[in-house]
Amino acid sequence: MSDNAPLVIIGTGLAGYNLAKEFRKLDAERPLMLISADDGRFYSKPLLSTGFAKGKEADELAMQDGEAMAEQLGAQVLTGQEVTAIDTRERLVRLGERSLPYSDLVLATGAQVRTLPWREALAERLLSINDLADYGRFRAALNGRRSVLIVGAGLIGCEFANDLRLGGFEVTVVASDPWLMPQLLPEQAAAAVQAGLEELGVEFHLGCAIENMALEGDGLRVRLDSGVELVADQGLSAIGLVPRSELAEAAGLAAGRGVQVDRQLRTSDPHVYALGDCAEVAGLNLMYVMPLMTSARALAKTLSGTPTEVGYPAMPIMVKTPACPLVVTPPLSGVAGSWQCDVEGRDVRARFVDANGQLHGFALTGVAVAEKLQLTRELPAWLD
C-alpha cells in the first residue's frame, strides 16, 4: 500500500454515493475513489418502481452523471470497471490485470436478482429491474407492447404491478405465494392490497408454480401447475434479491446472509467495511433505504476518525402501491408472536405482538396508514 492510497468505495448505488457524501461532510481532504461496474450515474433506486406511471425514461431518472459526481465529491469515479479480486494482505483491489491500492476499502456492492431457469432462453422477453440500466433495458423491451406478466408477488412485484398498470399496460402477476408479500404482511392486509390492485385492473394467479415458460411468436406463453396457460408480450421477474458477497468471500472475508460486519460496519479484516444490501450487520441483512442511510452516516464518522457504532430504530417501509396505501414495519426474524388484525373494508390495522403484548411490527393499509407515527413510537429498536 502506498502512503497516499485513497479510501476506496466499490459501488456507486445509494450506499456508495451516500457514504461518499456523508464522508465528505466530515473530511474534505482524504483521497477518495469510487469504482463502478456501470456508468456511475446517481439516481434514487426507489424511483425505478414509479417511472412508468410518470412516463420517465431512464435518463430522466438520473440526477447526475459520474463526472459530475466526481467533481461534487472531490473524488475519482472510475466507471465501467469491474473489481475482480481483493488482496487484503497488500491492500489492493484488482481490476483484471490492473491493481489499485487502498488505505481502507468499503464494499457497497448491493444485491443481485434471483433468476428463473428460463431466463437465458427467453432473453429480452424475460427481464429483471435492479438498477437504472435494467430499467432502461426494460423500457426499451416494452416498445410497442401492451401486456406484462410479472413473476413474484413480493414488495417489488407489487410495486411494479401498480406502476405498470398506471402506465397503461395490462398486468398479470403469478406467484407461488398464497398471498401478496407474505414475508411482510398478514393475510388480511395482503387481501386489502390485492383488492386495490385488482380494482386497478391487475390480474393475479397466486399459489401457482410455473411449469414452463417459452417464447411464442414475439411474446411469451406460461403454463402453470394449475393447468392455466397465460400469454403476454413481456415478462418481468421479481422473485427477490441475494446480497453480493462473492467478492468478499473470495478474499477470505466472513460472510453469511451477506458480508458479515460488526456494529462499526467492519468486516473480518480491519481495513475493509461493508454497508447496504450486501452487508449483514450484527446478524441483520436489511435491504431497505433507511437502514442504508443510517449506516452511511455512522460509517462516515468511523472513516473520518471517530469510531461510531450503528444503531437501527424500527423503520417503517412505505410501499409504493397507491391503489391501496400501505406502510409496514415487519417483525424481525425469530421474534415470537402473532398478528392481530382490525379490518374495515380495505382499511386494515394489523399489529404483531408477543405473549406479553409488546408490539414488534405492524402493517397498515388505506386510511389506517395515518397511525404510522403513533405505532412506530411503541416499537423496540431493531438494533440498539
Foldseek 3Di string as FASTA:
>chain_A
DDPQAAAEEEDQEPLRLLLLVLLCVQDVPRAYEYEELAFNFYFHQVCLLQCLLVVDALVRRTDGTNVVSCVVSVYHYHYNFDFDAAALVQQWTDRDPDIGHHQFYEYAPAWAADDDPCDVVCDLQEAEDDDSVSSNSVVVLCVPFAEEEEEAQALSSLSNLQNVLSSRHQYEYEYLAPFHNPQFDDRLLRVLLVVLSVVSRYHYDYNWDWPDWDDDDQHIWTAIPVRDIDTGNGYYYDHDIQAPAPNVVVNVWDADSAREAEQLQAIPRNRYGYAEQRYQYVNRRDRDDVRSSQNSNQNSCVVSPHRGGGWFQQDWDFRNRVSKTKIKRGADPPDDFDWDWDDDRSFIWIFTAHPVRQTRMIMTIDPRCVCVVVVSVRHGTPGD
